[in-house]
Amino acid sequence: MKRITDGHGGTLHYGAVVQLQHMPSGLFLAASETSALRDMDNRKVSLVEGSRNCYFRIVPRFRIRSEGSIVYYHDAILLESIHVTRHSL
């Protein structure tokens, strides 16, 4: 996994596995198996120090892009959890 900081410095491709870090706190975005408190149809997402639930695969929102192609700035993407089944952001 490549570290990209300050919003520049690397090319991101569909299919890449990433972690999203909240810079002020240093915590990572994590998906949960439990339902969200306000909307029971969605999964809970939180900031944690790190766990296996912090890994997401970048997938295209629409079929005009495919795995391995470059992610462009205005592309619509989904973040698919690696460890929580059927969970996308």
PDB file of N, CA and C in Angstrom:
ATOM      1  N   MET A   1       0.847  -1.157   0.000  1.00  0.00           N
ATOM      2  CA  MET A   1       0.000   0.000   0.000  1.00  0.00           C
ATOM      3  C   MET A   1       0.901   1.232   0.000  1.00  0.00           C
ATOM      4  N   LYS A   2       0.637   2.140  -0.899  1.00  0.00           N
ATOM      5  CA  LYS A   2       1.439   3.346  -1.058  1.00  0.00           C
ATOM      6  C   LYS A   2       0.827   4.486  -0.241  1.00  0.00           C
ATOM      7  N   ARG A   3       1.655   5.280   0.404  1.00  0.00           N
ATOM      8  CA  ARG A   3       1.166   6.411   1.185  1.00  0.00           C
ATOM      9  C   ARG A   3       1.161   7.659   0.314  1.00  0.00           C
ATOM     10  N   ILE A   4       0.010   8.292   0.205  1.00  0.00           N
ATOM     11  CA  ILE A   4      -0.128   9.538  -0.550  1.00  0.00           C
ATOM     12  C   ILE A   4      -0.565  10.605   0.445  1.00  0.00           C
ATOM     13  N   THR A   5       0.233  11.672   0.577  1.00  0.00           N
ATOM     14  CA  THR A   5      -0.084  12.724   1.539  1.00  0.00           C
ATOM     15  C   THR A   5      -0.278  14.047   0.832  1.00  0.00           C
ATOM     16  N   ASP A   6      -0.940  14.957   1.502  1.00  0.00           N
ATOM     17  CA  ASP A   6      -1.158  16.317   1.003  1.00  0.00           C
ATOM     18  C   ASP A   6      -1.924  16.357  -0.321  1.00  0.00           C
ATOM     19  N   GLY A   7      -2.634  15.304  -0.661  1.00  0.00           N
ATOM     20  CA  GLY A   7      -3.469  15.322  -1.858  1.00  0.00           C
ATOM     21  C   GLY A   7      -2.720  15.210  -3.168  1.00  0.00           C
ATOM     22  N   HIS A   8      -1.438  14.926  -3.134  1.00  0.00           N
ATOM     23  CA  HIS A   8      -0.686  14.754  -4.374  1.00  0.00           C
ATOM     24  C   HIS A   8       0.462  13.779  -4.146  1.00  0.00           C
ATOM     25  N   GLY A   9       1.090  13.350  -5.224  1.00  0.00           N
ATOM     26  CA  GLY A   9       2.261  12.512  -5.058  1.00  0.00           C
ATOM     27  C   GLY A   9       2.122  11.126  -5.627  1.00  0.00           C
ATOM     28  N   GLY A  10       0.974  10.761  -6.146  1.00  0.00           N
ATOM     29  CA  GLY A  10       0.844   9.423  -6.698  1.00  0.00           C
ATOM     30  C   GLY A  10      -0.394   9.279  -7.542  1.00  0.00           C
ATOM     31  N   THR A  11      -0.387   8.230  -8.336  1.00  0.00           N
ATOM     32  CA  THR A  11      -1.537   7.912  -9.170  1.00  0.00           C
ATOM     33  C   THR A  11      -2.321   6.806  -8.499  1.00  0.00           C
ATOM     34  N   LEU A  12      -3.621   6.965  -8.406  1.00  0.00           N
ATOM     35  CA  LEU A  12      -4.495   5.994  -7.783  1.00  0.00           C
ATOM     36  C   LEU A  12      -5.245   5.248  -8.871  1.00  0.00           C
ATOM     37  N   HIS A  13      -5.330   3.923  -8.737  1.00  0.00           N
ATOM     38  CA  HIS A  13      -6.012   3.091  -9.730  1.00  0.00           C
ATOM     39  C   HIS A  13      -7.199   2.368  -9.097  1.00  0.00           C
ATOM     40  N   TYR A  14      -8.228   2.123  -9.918  1.00  0.00           N
ATOM     41  CA  TYR A  14      -9.364   1.330  -9.452  1.00  0.00           C
ATOM     42  C   TYR A  14      -8.873  -0.071  -9.093  1.00  0.00           C
ATOM     43  N   GLY A  15      -9.370  -0.591  -7.977  1.00  0.00           N
ATOM     44  CA  GLY A  15      -8.950  -1.884  -7.480  1.00  0.00           C
ATOM     45  C   GLY A  15      -7.910  -1.768  -6.381  1.00  0.00           C
ATOM     46  N   ALA A  16      -7.332  -0.570  -6.199  1.00  0.00           N
ATOM     47  CA  ALA A  16      -6.322  -0.363  -5.154  1.00  0.00           C
ATOM     48  C   ALA A  16      -6.973  -0.464  -3.774  1.00  0.00           C
ATOM     49  N   VAL A  17      -6.231  -0.990  -2.822  1.00  0.00           N
ATOM     50  CA  VAL A  17      -6.690  -1.074  -1.440  1.00  0.00           C
ATOM     51  C   VAL A  17      -6.077   0.103  -0.688  1.00  0.00           C
ATOM     52  N   VAL A  18      -6.932   0.863   0.018  1.00  0.00           N
ATOM     53  CA  VAL A  18      -6.489   2.077   0.705  1.00  0.00           C
ATOM     54  C   VAL A  18      -7.015   2.118   2.134  1.00  0.00           C
ATOM     55  N   GLN A  19      -6.384   2.958   2.940  1.00  0.00           N
ATOM     56  CA  GLN A  19      -6.886   3.338   4.254  1.00  0.00           C
ATOM     57  C   GLN A  19      -7.085   4.841   4.205  1.00  0.00           C
ATOM     58  N   LEU A  20      -8.154   5.332   4.832  1.00  0.00           N
ATOM     59  CA  LEU A  20      -8.416   6.763   4.880  1.00  0.00           C
ATOM     60  C   LEU A  20      -8.155   7.260   6.298  1.00  0.00           C
ATOM     61  N   GLN A  21      -7.220   8.207   6.413  1.00  0.00           N
ATOM     62  CA  GLN A  21      -6.822   8.709   7.725  1.00  0.00           C
ATOM     63  C   GLN A  21      -7.324  10.129   7.931  1.00  0.00           C
ATOM     64  N   HIS A  22      -7.952  10.356   9.072  1.00  0.00           N
ATOM     65  CA  HIS A  22      -8.374  11.680   9.503  1.00  0.00           C
ATOM     66  C   HIS A  22      -7.122  12.372  10.039  1.00  0.00           C
ATOM     67  N   MET A  23      -6.626  13.351   9.315  1.00  0.00           N
ATOM     68  CA  MET A  23      -5.329  13.941   9.626  1.00  0.00           C
ATOM     69  C   MET A  23      -5.257  14.618  11.005  1.00  0.00           C
ATOM     70  N   PRO A  24      -6.259  15.411  11.436  1.00  0.00           N
ATOM     71  CA  PRO A  24      -6.134  16.055  12.760  1.00  0.00           C
ATOM     72  C   PRO A  24      -5.998  15.062  13.926  1.00  0.00           C
ATOM     73  N   SER A  25      -6.716  13.935  13.857  1.00  0.00           N
ATOM     74  CA  SER A  25      -6.683  12.978  14.971  1.00  0.00           C
ATOM     75  C   SER A  25      -5.736  11.817  14.738  1.00  0.00           C
ATOM     76  N   GLY A  26      -5.402  11.543  13.480  1.00  0.00           N
ATOM     77  CA  GLY A  26      -4.558  10.395  13.156  1.00  0.00           C
ATOM     78  C   GLY A  26      -5.312   9.083  13.132  1.00  0.00           C
ATOM     79  N   LEU A  27      -6.634   9.131  13.323  1.00  0.00           N
ATOM     80  CA  LEU A  27      -7.453   7.922  13.320  1.00  0.00           C
ATOM     81  C   LEU A  27      -7.834   7.534  11.887  1.00  0.00           C
ATOM     82  N   PHE A  28      -8.247   6.267  11.722  1.00  0.00           N
ATOM     83  CA  PHE A  28      -8.605   5.737  10.412  1.00  0.00           C
ATOM     84  C   PHE A  28     -10.100   5.440  10.320  1.00  0.00           C
ATOM     85  N   LEU A  29     -10.656   5.615   9.117  1.00  0.00           N
ATOM     86  CA  LEU A  29     -12.049   5.281   8.863  1.00  0.00           C
ATOM     87  C   LEU A  29     -12.202   3.767   8.881  1.00  0.00           C
ATOM     88  N   ALA A  30     -13.213   3.271   9.591  1.00  0.00           N
ATOM     89  CA  ALA A  30     -13.442   1.834   9.702  1.00  0.00           C
ATOM     90  C   ALA A  30     -14.914   1.508   9.490  1.00  0.00           C
ATOM     91  N   ALA A  31     -15.172   0.416   8.783  1.00  0.00           N
ATOM     92  CA  ALA A  31     -16.528  -0.086   8.581  1.00  0.00           C
ATOM     93  C   ALA A  31     -16.867  -1.048   9.716  1.00  0.00           C
ATOM     94  N   SER A  32     -18.139  -1.127  10.058  1.00  0.00           N
ATOM     95  CA  SER A  32     -18.577  -1.982  11.159  1.00  0.00           C
ATOM     96  C   SER A  32     -19.648  -2.959  10.671  1.00  0.00           C
ATOM     97  N   GLU A  33     -19.748  -4.085  11.339  1.00  0.00           N
ATOM     98  CA  GLU A  33     -20.784  -5.078  11.026  1.00  0.00           C
ATOM     99  C   GLU A  33     -22.156  -4.632  11.530  1.00  0.00           C
ATOM    100  N   THR A  34     -22.193  -3.701  12.494  1.00  0.00           N
ATOM    101  CA  THR A  34     -23.457  -3.275  13.086  1.00  0.00           C
ATOM    102  C   THR A  34     -24.111  -2.177  12.255  1.00  0.00           C
ATOM    103  N   SER A  35     -25.392  -1.984  12.446  1.00  0.00           N
ATOM    104  CA  SER A  35     -26.141  -0.961  11.723  1.00  0.00           C
ATOM    105  C   SER A  35     -25.876   0.422  12.305  1.00  0.00           C
ATOM    106  N   ALA A  36     -26.027   1.424  11.457  1.00  0.00           N
ATOM    107  CA  ALA A  36     -25.881   2.812  11.896  1.00  0.00           C
ATOM    108  C   ALA A  36     -27.014   3.157  12.857  1.00  0.00           C
ATOM    109  N   LEU A  37     -26.770   4.074  13.763  1.00  0.00           N
ATOM    110  CA  LEU A  37     -27.769   4.438  14.761  1.00  0.00           C
ATOM    111  C   LEU A  37     -28.961   5.178  14.159  1.00  0.00           C
ATOM    112  N   ARG A  38     -28.717   6.072  13.202  1.00  0.00           N
ATOM    113  CA  ARG A  38     -29.786   6.904  12.652  1.00  0.00           C
ATOM    114  C   ARG A  38     -30.518   6.258  11.479  1.00  0.00           C
ATOM    115  N   ASP A  39     -29.869   5.340  10.780  1.00  0.00           N
ATOM    116  CA  ASP A  39     -30.493   4.687   9.620  1.00  0.00           C
ATOM    117  C   ASP A  39     -30.137   3.211   9.647  1.00  0.00           C
ATOM    118  N   MET A  40     -31.036   2.386  10.094  1.00  0.00           N
ATOM    119  CA  MET A  40     -30.778   0.963  10.295  1.00  0.00           C
ATOM    120  C   MET A  40     -30.486   0.201   8.998  1.00  0.00           C
ATOM    121  N   ASP A  41     -30.765   0.807   7.841  1.00  0.00           N
ATOM    122  CA  ASP A  41     -30.479   0.158   6.563  1.00  0.00           C
ATOM    123  C   ASP A  41     -29.009   0.292   6.173  1.00  0.00           C
ATOM    124  N   ASN A  42     -28.268   1.130   6.873  1.00  0.00           N
ATOM    125  CA  ASN A  42     -26.858   1.367   6.565  1.00  0.00           C
ATOM    126  C   ASN A  42     -25.973   0.849   7.685  1.00  0.00           C
ATOM    127  N   ARG A  43     -24.698   0.620   7.344  1.00  0.00           N
ATOM    128  CA  ARG A  43     -23.731   0.140   8.330  1.00  0.00           C
ATOM    129  C   ARG A  43     -23.071   1.310   9.049  1.00  0.00           C
ATOM    130  N   LYS A  44     -22.612   1.059  10.246  1.00  0.00           N
ATOM    131  CA  LYS A  44     -21.930   2.062  11.048  1.00  0.00           C
ATOM    132  C   LYS A  44     -20.503   2.253  10.539  1.00  0.00           C
ATOM    133  N   VAL A  45     -20.077   3.508  10.461  1.00  0.00           N
ATOM    134  CA  VAL A  45     -18.713   3.869  10.081  1.00  0.00           C
ATOM    135  C   VAL A  45     -18.163   4.736  11.202  1.00  0.00           C
ATOM    136  N   SER A  46     -16.919   4.490  11.604  1.00  0.00           N
ATOM    137  CA  SER A  46     -16.346   5.258  12.712  1.00  0.00           C
ATOM    138  C   SER A  46     -14.858   5.478  12.491  1.00  0.00           C
ATOM    139  N   LEU A  47     -14.271   6.314  13.340  1.00  0.00           N
ATOM    140  CA  LEU A  47     -12.830   6.543  13.331  1.00  0.00           C
ATOM    141  C   LEU A  47     -12.204   5.718  14.453  1.00  0.00           C
ATOM    142  N   VAL A  48     -11.180   4.928  14.114  1.00  0.00           N
ATOM    143  CA  VAL A  48     -10.523   4.056  15.093  1.00  0.00           C
ATOM    144  C   VAL A  48      -9.006   4.163  14.942  1.00  0.00           C
ATOM    145  N   GLU A  49      -8.277   3.641  15.922  1.00  0.00           N
ATOM    146  CA  GLU A  49      -6.816   3.687  15.876  1.00  0.00           C
ATOM    147  C   GLU A  49      -6.243   2.777  14.793  1.00  0.00           C
ATOM    148  N   GLY A  50      -7.004   1.813  14.377  1.00  0.00           N
ATOM    149  CA  GLY A  50      -6.553   0.884  13.345  1.00  0.00           C
ATOM    150  C   GLY A  50      -7.111  -0.502  13.601  1.00  0.00           C
ATOM    151  N   SER A  51      -7.542  -1.159  12.554  1.00  0.00           N
ATOM    152  CA  SER A  51      -8.045  -2.528  12.653  1.00  0.00           C
ATOM    153  C   SER A  51      -8.143  -3.095  11.243  1.00  0.00           C
ATOM    154  N   ARG A  52      -8.524  -4.341  11.144  1.00  0.00           N
ATOM    155  CA  ARG A  52      -8.665  -4.952   9.825  1.00  0.00           C
ATOM    156  C   ARG A  52      -9.853  -4.361   9.063  1.00  0.00           C
ATOM    157  N   ASN A  53     -10.740  -3.669   9.741  1.00  0.00           N
ATOM    158  CA  ASN A  53     -11.910  -3.053   9.099  1.00  0.00           C
ATOM    159  C   ASN A  53     -11.596  -1.696   8.473  1.00  0.00           C
ATOM    160  N   CYS A  54     -10.336  -1.286   8.488  1.00  0.00           N
ATOM    161  CA  CYS A  54      -9.924   0.018   7.949  1.00  0.00           C
ATOM    162  C   CYS A  54      -9.484  -0.046   6.487  1.00  0.00           C
ATOM    163  N   TYR A  55      -9.582  -1.188   5.858  1.00  0.00           N
ATOM    164  CA  TYR A  55      -9.112  -1.343   4.482  1.00  0.00           C
ATOM    165  C   TYR A  55     -10.287  -1.326   3.512  1.00  0.00           C
ATOM    166  N   PHE A  56     -10.163  -0.484   2.486  1.00  0.00           N
ATOM    167  CA  PHE A  56     -11.207  -0.330   1.475  1.00  0.00           C
ATOM    168  C   PHE A  56     -10.607  -0.451   0.083  1.00  0.00           C
ATOM    169  N   ARG A  57     -11.365  -1.060  -0.831  1.00  0.00           N
ATOM    170  CA  ARG A  57     -10.973  -1.147  -2.230  1.00  0.00           C
ATOM    171  C   ARG A  57     -11.710  -0.052  -2.989  1.00  0.00           C
ATOM    172  N   ILE A  58     -11.006   0.647  -3.869  1.00  0.00           N
ATOM    173  CA  ILE A  58     -11.617   1.700  -4.684  1.00  0.00           C
ATOM    174  C   ILE A  58     -12.226   1.057  -5.925  1.00  0.00           C
ATOM    175  N   VAL A  59     -13.540   1.211  -6.076  1.00  0.00           N
ATOM    176  CA  VAL A  59     -14.236   0.669  -7.244  1.00  0.00           C
ATOM    177  C   VAL A  59     -15.007   1.795  -7.942  1.00  0.00           C
ATOM    178  N   PRO A  60     -15.148   1.711  -9.260  1.00  0.00           N
ATOM    179  CA  PRO A  60     -15.872   2.758  -9.982  1.00  0.00           C
ATOM    180  C   PRO A  60     -17.371   2.698  -9.689  1.00  0.00           C
ATOM    181  N   ARG A  61     -17.996   3.844  -9.584  1.00  0.00           N
ATOM    182  CA  ARG A  61     -19.445   3.924  -9.355  1.00  0.00           C
ATOM    183  C   ARG A  61     -20.207   3.535 -10.613  1.00  0.00           C
ATOM    184  N   PHE A  62     -19.649   3.875 -11.767  1.00  0.00           N
ATOM    185  CA  PHE A  62     -20.286   3.571 -13.048  1.00  0.00           C
ATOM    186  C   PHE A  62     -19.361   2.703 -13.887  1.00  0.00           C
ATOM    187  N   ARG A  63     -19.907   2.002 -14.841  1.00  0.00           N
ATOM    188  CA  ARG A  63     -19.146   1.040 -15.632  1.00  0.00           C
ATOM    189  C   ARG A  63     -18.264   1.661 -16.714  1.00  0.00           C
ATOM    190  N   ILE A  64     -18.183   2.972 -16.791  1.00  0.00           N
ATOM    191  CA  ILE A  64     -17.318   3.590 -17.793  1.00  0.00           C
ATOM    192  C   ILE A  64     -15.844   3.442 -17.418  1.00  0.00           C
ATOM    193  N   ARG A  65     -15.556   3.111 -16.151  1.00  0.00           N
ATOM    194  CA  ARG A  65     -14.199   2.845 -15.683  1.00  0.00           C
ATOM    195  C   ARG A  65     -14.110   1.370 -15.298  1.00  0.00           C
ATOM    196  N   SER A  66     -12.884   0.833 -15.319  1.00  0.00           N
ATOM    197  CA  SER A  66     -12.697  -0.570 -14.952  1.00  0.00           C
ATOM    198  C   SER A  66     -11.493  -0.715 -14.031  1.00  0.00           C
ATOM    199  N   GLU A  67     -11.384  -1.873 -13.401  1.00  0.00           N
ATOM    200  CA  GLU A  67     -10.284  -2.127 -12.479  1.00  0.00           C
ATOM    201  C   GLU A  67      -8.952  -1.969 -13.204  1.00  0.00           C
ATOM    202  N   GLY A  68      -8.038  -1.263 -12.561  1.00  0.00           N
ATOM    203  CA  GLY A  68      -6.728  -1.013 -13.133  1.00  0.00           C
ATOM    204  C   GLY A  68      -6.608   0.336 -13.817  1.00  0.00           C
ATOM    205  N   SER A  69      -7.744   0.956 -14.175  1.00  0.00           N
ATOM    206  CA  SER A  69      -7.673   2.271 -14.814  1.00  0.00           C
ATOM    207  C   SER A  69      -7.474   3.358 -13.755  1.00  0.00           C
ATOM    208  N   ILE A  70      -7.017   4.505 -14.192  1.00  0.00           N
ATOM    209  CA  ILE A  70      -6.698   5.615 -13.291  1.00  0.00           C
ATOM    210  C   ILE A  70      -7.970   6.254 -12.736  1.00  0.00           C
ATOM    211  N   VAL A  71      -7.931   6.621 -11.454  1.00  0.00           N
ATOM    212  CA  VAL A  71      -9.015   7.360 -10.815  1.00  0.00           C
ATOM    213  C   VAL A  71      -8.747   8.843 -11.056  1.00  0.00           C
ATOM    214  N   TYR A  72      -9.707   9.518 -11.691  1.00  0.00           N
ATOM    215  CA  TYR A  72      -9.575  10.941 -11.966  1.00  0.00           C
ATOM    216  C   TYR A  72     -10.297  11.750 -10.894  1.00  0.00           C
ATOM    217  N   TYR A  73      -9.944  13.021 -10.776  1.00  0.00           N
ATOM    218  CA  TYR A  73     -10.411  13.890  -9.703  1.00  0.00           C
ATOM    219  C   TYR A  73     -11.931  13.909  -9.537  1.00  0.00           C
ATOM    220  N   HIS A  74     -12.700  14.026 -10.591  1.00  0.00           N
ATOM    221  CA  HIS A  74     -14.159  14.136 -10.473  1.00  0.00           C
ATOM    222  C   HIS A  74     -14.890  12.807 -10.662  1.00  0.00           C
ATOM    223  N   ASP A  75     -14.185  11.695 -10.673  1.00  0.00           N
ATOM    224  CA  ASP A  75     -14.825  10.387 -10.813  1.00  0.00           C
ATOM    225  C   ASP A  75     -15.702  10.080  -9.600  1.00  0.00           C
ATOM    226  N   ALA A  76     -16.826   9.446  -9.843  1.00  0.00           N
ATOM    227  CA  ALA A  76     -17.675   8.942  -8.761  1.00  0.00           C
ATOM    228  C   ALA A  76     -17.136   7.565  -8.376  1.00  0.00           C
ATOM    229  N   ILE A  77     -16.799   7.397  -7.106  1.00  0.00           N
ATOM    230  CA  ILE A  77     -16.226   6.132  -6.656  1.00  0.00           C
ATOM    231  C   ILE A  77     -17.045   5.537  -5.519  1.00  0.00           C
ATOM    232  N   LEU A  78     -16.823   4.249  -5.293  1.00  0.00           N
ATOM    233  CA  LEU A  78     -17.333   3.558  -4.116  1.00  0.00           C
ATOM    234  C   LEU A  78     -16.135   3.039  -3.350  1.00  0.00           C
ATOM    235  N   LEU A  79     -16.210   3.067  -2.053  1.00  0.00           N
ATOM    236  CA  LEU A  79     -15.194   2.458  -1.206  1.00  0.00           C
ATOM    237  C   LEU A  79     -15.792   1.169  -0.671  1.00  0.00           C
ATOM    238  N   GLU A  80     -15.274   0.053  -1.126  1.00  0.00           N
ATOM    239  CA  GLU A  80     -15.804  -1.259  -0.764  1.00  0.00           C
ATOM    240  C   GLU A  80     -14.953  -1.840   0.368  1.00  0.00           C
ATOM    241  N   SER A  81     -15.577  -2.138   1.483  1.00  0.00           N
ATOM    242  CA  SER A  81     -14.842  -2.679   2.621  1.00  0.00           C
ATOM    243  C   SER A  81     -14.259  -4.041   2.276  1.00  0.00           C
ATOM    244  N   ILE A  82     -13.010  -4.270   2.654  1.00  0.00           N
ATOM    245  CA  ILE A  82     -12.347  -5.542   2.387  1.00  0.00           C
ATOM    246  C   ILE A  82     -12.844  -6.620   3.347  1.00  0.00           C
ATOM    247  N   HIS A  83     -13.081  -6.273   4.608  1.00  0.00           N
ATOM    248  CA  HIS A  83     -13.390  -7.266   5.639  1.00  0.00           C
ATOM    249  C   HIS A  83     -14.856  -7.312   6.055  1.00  0.00           C
ATOM    250  N   VAL A  84     -15.633  -6.296   5.753  1.00  0.00           N
ATOM    251  CA  VAL A  84     -17.062  -6.309   6.092  1.00  0.00           C
ATOM    252  C   VAL A  84     -17.807  -6.591   4.797  1.00  0.00           C
ATOM    253  N   THR A  85     -18.432  -7.759   4.706  1.00  0.00           N
ATOM    254  CA  THR A  85     -19.064  -8.181   3.459  1.00  0.00           C
ATOM    255  C   THR A  85     -20.225  -7.281   3.052  1.00  0.00           C
ATOM    256  N   ARG A  86     -20.350  -7.059   1.770  1.00  0.00           N
ATOM    257  CA  ARG A  86     -21.425  -6.266   1.155  1.00  0.00           C
ATOM    258  C   ARG A  86     -21.543  -4.876   1.771  1.00  0.00           C
ATOM    259  N   HIS A  87     -20.414  -4.234   2.020  1.00  0.00           N
ATOM    260  CA  HIS A  87     -20.431  -2.884   2.591  1.00  0.00           C
ATOM    261  C   HIS A  87     -19.645  -1.949   1.702  1.00  0.00           C
ATOM    262  N   SER A  88     -20.322  -0.941   1.176  1.00  0.00           N
ATOM    263  CA  SER A  88     -19.686   0.079   0.340  1.00  0.00           C
ATOM    264  C   SER A  88     -20.064   1.443   0.858  1.00  0.00           C
ATOM    265  N   LEU A  89     -19.164   2.397   0.658  1.00  0.00           N
ATOM    266  CA  LEU A  89     -19.416   3.793   1.021  1.00  0.00           C
ATOM    267  C   LEU A  89     -19.546   4.597  -0.250  1.00  0.00           C
TER     268      LEU A  89
END
